[in-house]
Protein backbone atom coordinates (compact mmCIF):
# COMPACT_ATOMS: atom_id res chain seq x y z
CA UNK A 1 32.32 -53.30 -0.48
CA UNK A 2 33.38 -56.89 0.18
CA UNK A 3 37.10 -57.34 -0.01
CA UNK A 4 38.00 -59.43 -3.04
CA UNK A 5 41.59 -59.89 -2.05
CA UNK A 6 42.11 -60.38 1.61
CA UNK A 7 46.01 -60.67 1.12
CA UNK A 8 45.86 -57.00 -0.06
CA UNK A 9 43.96 -55.91 2.61
CA UNK A 10 46.04 -57.39 4.90
CA UNK A 11 48.92 -55.61 3.20
CA UNK A 12 47.04 -52.30 3.98
CA UNK A 13 46.65 -53.11 7.61
CA UNK A 14 50.37 -53.69 7.67
CA UNK A 15 51.16 -50.40 5.89
CA UNK A 16 48.80 -48.36 8.23
CA UNK A 17 50.42 -50.12 11.35
CA UNK A 18 53.79 -48.94 10.24
CA UNK A 19 52.68 -45.60 9.43
CA UNK A 20 50.94 -45.19 12.81
CA UNK A 21 54.38 -46.35 14.37
CA UNK A 22 56.12 -43.63 12.68
CA UNK A 23 53.76 -41.25 13.85
CA UNK A 24 53.67 -42.49 17.48
CA UNK A 25 57.61 -42.36 17.32
CA UNK A 26 57.36 -38.57 16.72
CA UNK A 27 54.85 -38.04 19.56
CA UNK A 28 56.90 -39.96 22.15
CA UNK A 29 60.03 -37.56 21.71
CA UNK A 30 62.16 -39.45 19.33
CA UNK A 31 65.21 -37.48 18.28
CA UNK A 32 65.46 -35.82 14.96
CA UNK A 33 68.34 -37.01 12.90
CA UNK A 34 69.69 -33.51 12.53
CA UNK A 35 72.68 -34.89 10.25
CA UNK A 36 69.79 -35.64 7.59
CA UNK A 37 70.16 -34.52 4.89
CA UNK A 38 73.78 -34.41 4.58
CA UNK A 39 74.21 -35.08 0.98
CA UNK A 40 71.50 -34.68 -2.08
CA UNK A 41 68.28 -36.26 -1.88
CA UNK A 42 66.91 -38.43 -5.07
CA UNK A 43 63.06 -38.16 -5.72
CA UNK A 44 62.20 -40.73 -8.34
CA UNK A 45 59.04 -39.65 -10.34
CA UNK A 46 57.78 -42.93 -11.75
CA UNK A 47 56.40 -40.92 -14.81
CA UNK A 48 57.76 -38.89 -17.91
CA UNK A 49 58.48 -35.33 -17.30
CA UNK A 50 55.64 -32.57 -17.55
CA UNK A 51 52.82 -34.49 -15.81
CA UNK A 52 51.22 -33.43 -12.73
CA UNK A 53 53.29 -35.67 -10.39
CA UNK A 54 56.34 -34.20 -12.10
CA UNK A 55 55.49 -30.52 -11.81
CA UNK A 56 54.44 -30.58 -8.52
CA UNK A 57 57.24 -32.47 -6.95
CA UNK A 58 59.64 -30.49 -8.87
CA UNK A 59 58.31 -27.28 -7.13
CA UNK A 60 58.47 -29.04 -3.60
CA UNK A 61 62.15 -30.35 -4.41
CA UNK A 62 62.97 -26.69 -4.85
CA UNK A 63 61.49 -25.66 -1.65
CA UNK A 64 63.17 -28.52 0.29
CA UNK A 65 66.48 -27.52 -1.13
CA UNK A 66 65.85 -23.90 -0.05
CA UNK A 67 64.87 -25.04 3.46
CA UNK A 68 67.70 -27.47 4.05
CA UNK A 69 70.45 -26.39 2.15
CA UNK A 70 70.93 -29.67 0.54
CA UNK A 71 69.67 -30.61 -2.99
CA UNK A 72 66.83 -32.43 -3.69
CA UNK A 73 66.44 -33.43 -7.33
CA UNK A 74 64.16 -35.31 -9.52
CA UNK A 75 64.87 -38.51 -11.56
CA UNK A 76 62.04 -39.40 -13.99
CA UNK A 77 61.55 -43.05 -14.46
CA UNK A 78 58.73 -43.72 -16.44
CA UNK A 79 56.93 -46.99 -17.43
CA UNK A 80 54.76 -49.97 -15.99
CA UNK A 81 52.01 -47.63 -14.81
CA UNK A 82 54.76 -46.19 -12.26
CA UNK A 83 55.77 -49.74 -11.32
CA UNK A 84 59.35 -49.26 -12.67
CA UNK A 85 60.37 -46.18 -10.57
CA UNK A 86 58.64 -47.76 -7.45
CA UNK A 87 60.24 -50.89 -7.81
CA UNK A 88 63.78 -48.77 -8.00
CA UNK A 89 62.90 -46.97 -4.73
CA UNK A 90 61.57 -50.08 -2.98
CA UNK A 91 64.96 -51.67 -3.35
CA UNK A 92 67.05 -48.84 -2.63
CA UNK A 93 68.87 -48.21 0.54
CA UNK A 94 66.73 -47.23 3.47
CA UNK A 95 68.50 -44.00 4.33
CA UNK A 96 66.24 -41.33 3.50
CA UNK A 97 68.31 -40.37 0.29
CA UNK A 98 65.97 -42.31 -2.26
CA UNK A 99 62.14 -41.21 -2.26
CA UNK A 100 59.45 -41.66 -4.38
CA UNK A 101 56.83 -39.52 -5.42
CA UNK A 102 53.55 -40.59 -6.81
CA UNK A 103 49.68 -39.80 -6.66
CA UNK A 104 46.27 -41.51 -6.49
CA UNK A 105 47.33 -44.00 -9.05
CA UNK A 106 49.31 -45.88 -6.32
CA UNK A 107 46.01 -46.95 -4.75
CA UNK A 108 45.00 -48.48 -8.22
CA UNK A 109 48.14 -51.03 -8.49
CA UNK A 110 46.52 -54.02 -6.54
CA UNK A 111 43.64 -53.81 -9.19
CA UNK A 112 46.11 -53.61 -12.10
CA UNK A 113 48.52 -56.21 -11.56
CA UNK A 114 48.33 -59.72 -10.81
CA UNK A 115 51.84 -59.67 -9.39
CA UNK A 116 54.04 -56.73 -8.60
CA UNK A 117 57.91 -56.86 -8.35
CA UNK A 118 57.52 -55.21 -4.86
CA UNK A 119 55.09 -55.74 -1.87
CA UNK A 120 52.65 -52.87 -2.32
CA UNK A 121 51.74 -52.65 1.45
CA UNK A 122 55.18 -53.24 3.05
CA UNK A 123 58.24 -52.38 0.75
CA UNK A 124 57.40 -48.58 0.40
CA UNK A 125 56.16 -46.51 3.48
CA UNK A 126 53.88 -43.60 3.16
CA UNK A 127 55.57 -40.34 4.31
CA UNK A 128 53.40 -37.44 3.67
CA UNK A 129 50.64 -36.39 0.95
CA UNK A 130 50.37 -32.72 -0.35
CA UNK A 131 48.78 -30.79 -2.87
CA UNK A 132 45.40 -31.76 -3.24
CA UNK A 133 44.01 -30.92 -6.92
CA UNK A 134 40.77 -31.59 -8.52
CA UNK A 135 41.02 -33.18 -12.02
CA UNK A 136 40.13 -31.12 -15.21
CA UNK A 137 38.84 -32.50 -18.73
CA UNK A 138 40.96 -30.47 -21.32
CA UNK A 139 40.53 -30.60 -25.12
CA UNK A 140 42.42 -28.60 -27.58
CA UNK A 141 41.59 -24.87 -27.74
CA UNK A 142 40.56 -25.29 -31.31
CA UNK A 143 38.40 -28.58 -31.01
CA UNK A 144 34.88 -28.15 -31.82
CA UNK A 145 33.80 -28.87 -28.26
CA UNK A 146 33.07 -25.88 -26.50
CA UNK A 147 31.36 -27.41 -23.61
CA UNK A 148 31.20 -30.98 -22.01
CA UNK A 149 27.72 -31.70 -23.58
CA UNK A 150 29.11 -31.30 -26.88
CA UNK A 151 32.06 -33.86 -26.37
CA UNK A 152 29.48 -36.41 -24.61
CA UNK A 153 26.95 -35.88 -27.74
CA UNK A 154 29.93 -36.78 -29.99
CA UNK A 155 30.60 -39.93 -27.99
CA UNK A 156 27.12 -40.91 -27.99
CA UNK A 157 26.78 -40.49 -31.77
CA UNK A 158 29.73 -42.67 -32.25
CA UNK A 159 30.81 -44.93 -29.46
CA UNK A 160 34.64 -45.54 -28.85
CA UNK A 161 35.42 -42.73 -31.60
CA UNK A 162 36.08 -39.74 -29.26
CA UNK A 163 39.54 -40.42 -27.91
CA UNK A 164 41.35 -39.63 -24.52
CA UNK A 165 44.94 -39.63 -23.68
CA UNK A 166 46.46 -40.80 -20.29
CA UNK A 167 50.11 -41.82 -19.01
CA UNK A 168 49.09 -45.47 -19.60
CA UNK A 169 46.57 -48.17 -18.66
CA UNK A 170 45.38 -48.45 -15.04
CA UNK A 171 46.56 -44.60 -14.05
CA UNK A 172 44.18 -42.45 -12.16
CA UNK A 173 43.06 -40.45 -15.28
CA UNK A 174 42.29 -43.81 -17.31
CA UNK A 175 40.03 -45.06 -14.62
CA UNK A 176 38.67 -41.60 -13.72
CA UNK A 177 37.68 -41.07 -17.42
CA UNK A 178 36.29 -44.53 -17.53
CA UNK A 179 33.96 -43.63 -14.36
CA UNK A 180 32.97 -40.31 -16.25
CA UNK A 181 31.75 -42.40 -19.38
CA UNK A 182 29.75 -44.83 -16.62
CA UNK A 183 28.42 -41.76 -15.20
CA UNK A 184 27.46 -40.18 -18.63
CA UNK A 185 26.43 -43.46 -20.32
CA UNK A 186 29.01 -43.23 -23.09
CA UNK A 187 32.37 -45.22 -24.26
CA UNK A 188 35.33 -43.36 -25.21
CA UNK A 189 38.44 -44.74 -26.85
CA UNK A 190 41.43 -44.94 -24.61
CA UNK A 191 44.95 -43.93 -26.11
CA UNK A 192 47.77 -44.85 -23.53
CA UNK A 193 51.25 -42.78 -23.57
CA UNK A 194 54.25 -43.15 -21.31
CA UNK A 195 53.36 -40.39 -19.22
CA UNK A 196 50.53 -37.37 -18.71
CA UNK A 197 53.03 -34.91 -20.31
CA UNK A 198 52.81 -36.97 -23.56
CA UNK A 199 49.15 -37.35 -23.50
CA UNK A 200 48.88 -33.42 -23.29
CA UNK A 201 51.05 -33.25 -26.42
CA UNK A 202 48.89 -35.53 -28.21
CA UNK A 203 45.91 -33.43 -27.17
CA UNK A 204 47.80 -30.17 -28.46
CA UNK A 205 48.55 -32.01 -31.68
CA UNK A 206 45.05 -33.25 -32.02
CA UNK A 207 46.15 -36.83 -31.86
CA UNK A 208 43.46 -37.37 -29.44
CA UNK A 209 40.23 -35.48 -28.55
CA UNK A 210 40.69 -34.92 -24.88
CA UNK A 211 42.39 -36.00 -21.58
CA UNK A 212 41.45 -35.72 -18.00
CA UNK A 213 44.51 -34.51 -15.87
CA UNK A 214 45.29 -32.55 -12.74
CA UNK A 215 45.35 -28.71 -13.58
CA UNK A 216 48.98 -28.44 -13.13
CA UNK A 217 49.59 -30.51 -16.12
CA UNK A 218 47.66 -28.54 -18.41
CA UNK A 219 47.30 -25.16 -16.80
CA UNK A 220 50.21 -23.57 -18.81
CA UNK A 221 48.57 -24.51 -21.96
CA UNK A 222 45.26 -23.33 -21.01
CA UNK A 223 46.78 -19.95 -19.91
CA UNK A 224 48.70 -19.77 -23.20
CA UNK A 225 45.49 -20.40 -25.11
CA UNK A 226 46.27 -23.70 -26.57
CA UNK A 227 43.91 -25.57 -24.29
CA UNK A 228 40.41 -25.37 -22.95
CA UNK A 229 39.09 -26.78 -19.86
CA UNK A 230 35.54 -28.11 -20.31
CA UNK A 231 34.78 -29.40 -16.75
CA UNK A 232 36.47 -29.90 -13.48
CA UNK A 233 36.07 -32.59 -10.45
CA UNK A 234 34.93 -31.67 -7.07
CA UNK A 235 31.99 -29.80 -5.64
CA UNK A 236 33.07 -26.26 -6.63
CA UNK A 237 34.52 -24.16 -9.17
CA UNK A 238 38.52 -23.94 -9.07
CA UNK A 239 39.81 -20.26 -8.68
CA UNK A 240 42.38 -20.46 -11.21
CA UNK A 241 39.86 -21.72 -13.88
CA UNK A 242 36.69 -19.65 -12.62
CA UNK A 243 34.97 -20.20 -16.19
CA UNK A 244 35.28 -23.92 -15.88
CA UNK A 245 31.99 -25.83 -14.44
CA UNK A 246 32.19 -28.70 -12.26
CA UNK A 247 31.01 -31.85 -13.74
CA UNK A 248 27.65 -31.63 -12.16
CA UNK A 249 27.13 -28.00 -13.26
CA UNK A 250 27.88 -29.19 -16.90
CA UNK A 251 25.33 -31.74 -16.55
CA UNK A 252 26.85 -35.09 -15.24
CA UNK A 253 25.94 -36.38 -11.84
CA UNK A 254 29.66 -37.25 -11.09
CA UNK A 255 31.86 -35.44 -8.81
CA UNK A 256 35.14 -36.83 -10.07
CA UNK A 257 38.24 -37.47 -8.62
CA UNK A 258 40.32 -35.10 -6.38
CA UNK A 259 44.14 -36.11 -6.87
CA UNK A 260 46.89 -35.93 -4.65
CA UNK A 261 50.66 -36.02 -4.66
CA UNK A 262 52.80 -37.60 -2.07
CA UNK A 263 56.11 -39.20 -1.05
CA UNK A 264 56.81 -42.73 -0.02
CA UNK A 265 60.47 -44.07 1.30
CA UNK A 266 61.73 -47.54 1.66
CA UNK A 267 60.54 -49.70 4.35
CA UNK A 268 63.08 -49.36 7.29
CA UNK A 269 64.03 -45.70 6.63
CA UNK A 270 64.83 -44.55 10.13
CA UNK A 271 61.75 -42.92 11.98
CA UNK A 272 63.64 -39.56 12.54
CA UNK A 273 64.66 -39.04 9.14
CA UNK A 274 60.88 -39.41 8.11
CA UNK A 275 59.66 -37.18 10.78
CA UNK A 276 62.18 -34.57 9.76
CA UNK A 277 60.89 -34.89 6.17
CA UNK A 278 57.39 -34.60 7.25
CA UNK A 279 58.20 -31.50 9.35
CA UNK A 280 59.84 -29.89 6.22
CA UNK A 281 56.98 -30.98 3.97
CA UNK A 282 54.60 -29.45 6.43
CA UNK A 283 56.93 -26.02 6.58
CA UNK A 284 57.15 -26.17 2.64
CA UNK A 285 53.15 -26.50 2.18
CA UNK A 286 52.51 -23.46 4.68
CA UNK A 287 54.82 -21.34 2.77
CA UNK A 288 53.25 -18.37 1.00
CA UNK A 289 54.93 -19.13 -2.38
CA UNK A 290 53.69 -22.72 -2.37
CA UNK A 291 50.29 -21.91 -1.42
CA UNK A 292 50.31 -19.40 -4.30
CA UNK A 293 51.71 -22.02 -6.69
CA UNK A 294 49.05 -24.71 -5.58
CA UNK A 295 46.31 -22.10 -5.87
CA UNK A 296 47.58 -20.82 -9.36
CA UNK A 297 47.20 -24.27 -10.71
CA UNK A 298 43.78 -24.84 -9.06
CA UNK A 299 45.03 -27.02 -6.09
CA UNK A 300 45.38 -26.79 -2.37
CA UNK A 301 48.72 -26.84 -0.64
CA UNK A 302 48.39 -28.79 2.72
CA UNK A 303 50.04 -31.82 4.36
CA UNK A 304 48.74 -34.93 5.92
CA UNK A 305 51.03 -37.32 7.73
CA UNK A 306 52.03 -41.08 7.28
CA UNK A 307 48.97 -42.61 9.25
CA UNK A 308 46.34 -40.47 7.57
CA UNK A 309 47.98 -41.17 4.23
CA UNK A 310 47.95 -44.81 4.75
CA UNK A 311 44.38 -44.54 5.64
CA UNK A 312 43.60 -42.76 2.43
CA UNK A 313 45.50 -45.17 0.36
CA UNK A 314 43.31 -47.86 1.76
CA UNK A 315 40.04 -46.35 1.18
CA UNK A 316 40.91 -45.02 -2.51
CA UNK A 317 41.94 -48.58 -3.20
CA UNK A 318 38.56 -50.22 -2.20
CA UNK A 319 36.52 -47.40 -3.90
CA UNK A 320 38.57 -47.82 -7.36
CA UNK A 321 37.66 -51.67 -7.21
CA UNK A 322 33.65 -50.83 -8.25
CA UNK A 323 35.14 -48.81 -11.43
CA UNK A 324 37.86 -51.22 -12.40
CA UNK A 325 35.11 -54.00 -12.17
CA UNK A 326 32.67 -52.30 -14.28
CA UNK A 327 35.12 -51.82 -17.05
CA UNK A 328 36.22 -55.34 -17.04
CA UNK A 329 40.00 -54.47 -16.68
CA UNK A 330 42.14 -57.33 -17.16
CA UNK A 331 45.16 -57.49 -14.72
CA UNK A 332 48.55 -57.26 -16.26
């Protein structure tokens, strides 16, 4: 794909270089700052409570608290497709005590906004990505759609009538659903909310017909008999949802999106702090309870470091460009 925004690509190169520096510092024997954390660590989730990023990050925060003996706590700062919370962290003191949690949506920001209140490639440093999850298309358990083709047939009969909810325009669920519409040859009606949790409530109240979300955000309602999953992304079924087919199995030639959650820190955060944080996250993801937590929500608990996370962000940003162009999304 030919880059449309050379400046954006430069930012990703700078971001990758910084991430590689962090990784290199660790391999060269840099001393870990054993004093960190010496006080509570705030993790800003730039979305409302109840969404996948919030659910996953709270579980990680609980585990990090257990491992380090210091409190890791969540502050929800919703709005602006995650940019309000991201800006807060980008402007925070670079001491390791203010972090941001986000997901694949972060790689969409260059496509969504003409101008951001922070430099997406420099002001926030990728630390580690963890909990990789497929995405699930879920409807109200009482909805007339018992399989994916039922929903798609309704969308074909009445274009722009079958509605879906997301945590806002430009989020991963928004463009993932639009990508599904492209693959299936249908047009859905997008209804944005302040967060994925609100979108789930809209499905439960029959305000919208469906949502595409990480299983973490809907699993409780699925197990409680309030929601039904019609399909999942990826090339295999999810252990926690054995009856839900993949999109390909459900008749759509589309693998969908595998979402992941990660942590970022303000630029200039000391490398030893980031190294210790990476180490603690890796330890958490290897624990029996975190693996069980991830598996129970249809995800995989594993950790990748800063340089791999930076590359993943760059690749994802480029891939989303095609979907954004097709949907004629107008930058904000």
